Amino acid sequence: MKGITVFILFILIAVATPAHADNALDKLARGFFNIIVSPMELFQAHDDHNDSDPAIGFTLGWIHGILNTGKRAAVGLFEVITWWIPIPEGYEPIIPEPIFLAEKRLKEEEAKAEKALKERQDDTTEAQDATTEAQDDTTEAQ
């Protein structure tokens, strides 16, 4: 019986869409998902604060992470307990979107890549402008 329960739990988690639920089963799966991934909030908050200063990351990051972990786990438990009740209305999520290390880092890497691309384009434009200006100067000198 325990194996079947675990299997059903994994199926529910696999089909869960953490930030949105259209029906009660999605809400139930999102609740289990939030409970299971809640410890990741601890490391996410630590990572967020550690970027500015390691001492702040160690103190405030861990405190913030513990609070976020508790919040996500409590919301997950609430969603599991009330899975059949459309609270909030339409089974909307209480916590809009879980933040994961991988998602955040992916967004940061994309932002860095876009910034680097823009800088290269700006450099290329400046170089082309300088070349055009030099050619114009050469043409005027002749």
Protein backbone atom coordinates (compact mmCIF):
# COMPACT_ATOMS: atom_id res chain seq x y z
CA MET A 1 0.00 0.00 0.00
CA LYS A 2 2.83 2.37 0.85
CA GLY A 3 4.42 1.78 -2.56
CA ILE A 4 1.17 2.61 -4.35
CA THR A 5 0.79 5.81 -2.32
CA VAL A 6 4.34 6.88 -3.17
CA PHE A 7 3.76 6.05 -6.84
CA ILE A 8 0.56 8.13 -6.93
CA LEU A 9 2.36 10.97 -5.17
CA PHE A 10 5.13 10.95 -7.77
CA ILE A 11 2.58 10.92 -10.61
CA LEU A 12 0.81 13.90 -9.08
CA ILE A 13 4.06 15.79 -8.71
CA ALA A 14 5.09 14.94 -12.27
CA VAL A 15 1.93 16.46 -13.72
CA ALA A 16 1.87 19.44 -11.37
CA THR A 17 2.15 22.92 -12.71
CA PRO A 18 3.46 24.71 -9.63
CA ALA A 19 2.34 28.21 -10.50
CA HIS A 20 -1.15 27.40 -11.78
CA ALA A 21 -3.96 24.97 -11.04
CA ASP A 22 -7.10 24.51 -13.12
CA ASN A 23 -8.70 21.96 -10.87
CA ALA A 24 -8.52 20.31 -7.47
CA LEU A 25 -6.03 17.61 -8.51
CA ASP A 26 -3.62 20.23 -9.82
CA LYS A 27 -3.94 22.07 -6.51
CA LEU A 28 -3.22 18.84 -4.62
CA ALA A 29 -0.17 18.13 -6.75
CA ARG A 30 1.04 21.73 -6.35
CA GLY A 31 0.66 21.36 -2.59
CA PHE A 32 2.80 18.22 -2.50
CA PHE A 33 5.27 19.88 -4.83
CA ASN A 34 5.55 22.93 -2.54
CA ILE A 35 6.13 20.74 0.50
CA ILE A 36 8.84 18.72 -1.23
CA VAL A 37 10.73 21.66 -2.73
CA SER A 38 10.36 23.99 0.26
CA PRO A 39 13.92 23.30 1.52
CA MET A 40 15.26 24.76 -1.73
CA GLU A 41 14.02 28.15 -0.54
CA LEU A 42 16.64 28.00 2.21
CA PHE A 43 19.47 27.83 -0.28
CA GLN A 44 17.84 30.29 -2.67
CA ALA A 45 17.56 33.01 -0.04
CA HIS A 46 21.11 32.32 1.13
CA ASP A 47 22.29 32.64 -2.48
CA ASP A 48 20.34 35.88 -3.01
CA HIS A 49 21.90 37.56 0.01
CA ASN A 50 25.36 36.06 -0.49
CA ASP A 51 25.80 37.97 -3.75
CA SER A 52 26.17 41.27 -1.92
CA ASP A 53 28.27 40.27 1.08
CA PRO A 54 29.21 36.82 2.44
CA ALA A 55 28.57 37.88 6.05
CA ILE A 56 25.10 39.13 5.16
CA GLY A 57 24.46 36.01 3.13
CA PHE A 58 25.35 33.84 6.09
CA THR A 59 23.13 35.68 8.58
CA LEU A 60 20.22 37.32 6.78
CA GLY A 61 20.27 34.76 3.99
CA TRP A 62 19.75 31.84 6.34
CA ILE A 63 17.08 33.67 8.35
CA HIS A 64 15.25 34.67 5.17
CA GLY A 65 15.65 31.14 3.83
CA ILE A 66 14.23 29.53 6.97
CA LEU A 67 11.21 31.84 6.84
CA ASN A 68 10.64 31.16 3.13
CA THR A 69 11.03 27.41 3.66
CA GLY A 70 8.42 27.49 6.42
CA LYS A 71 6.12 29.65 4.32
CA ARG A 72 6.33 27.37 1.27
CA ALA A 73 5.86 24.22 3.37
CA ALA A 74 2.87 25.75 5.20
CA VAL A 75 1.25 26.84 1.94
CA GLY A 76 1.87 23.37 0.50
CA LEU A 77 0.31 21.74 3.55
CA PHE A 78 -2.68 24.09 3.31
CA GLU A 79 -3.13 23.22 -0.37
CA VAL A 80 -2.92 19.49 0.36
CA ILE A 81 -5.45 19.75 3.20
CA THR A 82 -7.88 21.93 1.20
CA TRP A 83 -7.27 20.41 -2.23
CA TRP A 84 -10.95 19.90 -3.05
CA ILE A 85 -12.00 23.42 -1.97
CA PRO A 86 -11.46 26.21 -4.54
CA ILE A 87 -9.61 28.45 -2.08
CA PRO A 88 -8.34 30.88 -3.31
CA GLU A 89 -11.02 31.29 -5.93
CA GLY A 90 -10.40 29.20 -9.04
CA TYR A 91 -7.60 27.22 -7.34
CA GLU A 92 -5.19 30.12 -7.88
CA PRO A 93 -1.81 29.73 -6.18
CA ILE A 94 -1.17 31.39 -2.84
CA ILE A 95 2.53 31.71 -3.59
CA PRO A 96 2.65 32.80 -7.22
CA GLU A 97 5.81 31.10 -8.39
CA PRO A 98 8.44 28.98 -6.70
CA ILE A 99 11.95 30.30 -7.14
CA PHE A 100 14.55 27.67 -7.85
CA LEU A 101 18.28 28.04 -8.03
CA ALA A 102 18.35 26.73 -11.56
CA GLU A 103 15.63 29.07 -12.79
CA LYS A 104 17.23 32.10 -11.19
CA ARG A 105 20.67 31.25 -12.47
CA LEU A 106 19.27 30.62 -15.93
CA LYS A 107 17.63 34.04 -15.90
CA GLU A 108 20.87 35.62 -14.66
CA GLU A 109 22.88 33.90 -17.38
CA GLU A 110 20.39 35.01 -20.02
CA ALA A 111 20.59 38.59 -18.72
CA LYS A 112 24.41 38.46 -18.78
CA ALA A 113 24.40 37.05 -22.30
CA GLU A 114 21.98 39.74 -23.49
CA LYS A 115 24.11 42.43 -21.85
CA ALA A 116 27.29 41.06 -23.42
CA LEU A 117 25.60 40.88 -26.82
CA LYS A 118 24.38 44.47 -26.49
CA GLU A 119 27.88 45.61 -25.49
CA ARG A 120 29.38 43.82 -28.50
CA GLN A 121 26.80 45.39 -30.78
CA ASP A 122 27.54 48.82 -29.29
CA ASP A 123 31.29 48.24 -29.71
CA THR A 124 30.76 47.12 -33.30
CA THR A 125 28.62 50.17 -34.01
CA GLU A 126 31.25 52.45 -32.45
CA ALA A 127 34.01 50.80 -34.48
CA GLN A 128 32.00 51.15 -37.69
CA ASP A 129 31.30 54.79 -36.87
CA ALA A 130 34.99 55.42 -36.20
CA THR A 131 35.95 53.69 -39.47
CA THR A 132 33.39 55.70 -41.41
CA GLU A 133 34.58 58.91 -39.76
CA ALA A 134 38.22 58.08 -40.58
CA GLN A 135 37.28 57.36 -44.19
CA ASP A 136 35.41 60.66 -44.37
CA ASP A 137 38.45 62.48 -42.97
CA THR A 138 40.69 60.77 -45.52
CA THR A 139 38.33 61.67 -48.34
CA GLU A 140 38.20 65.32 -47.21
CA ALA A 141 41.99 65.49 -46.95
CA GLN A 142 42.39 64.38 -50.56
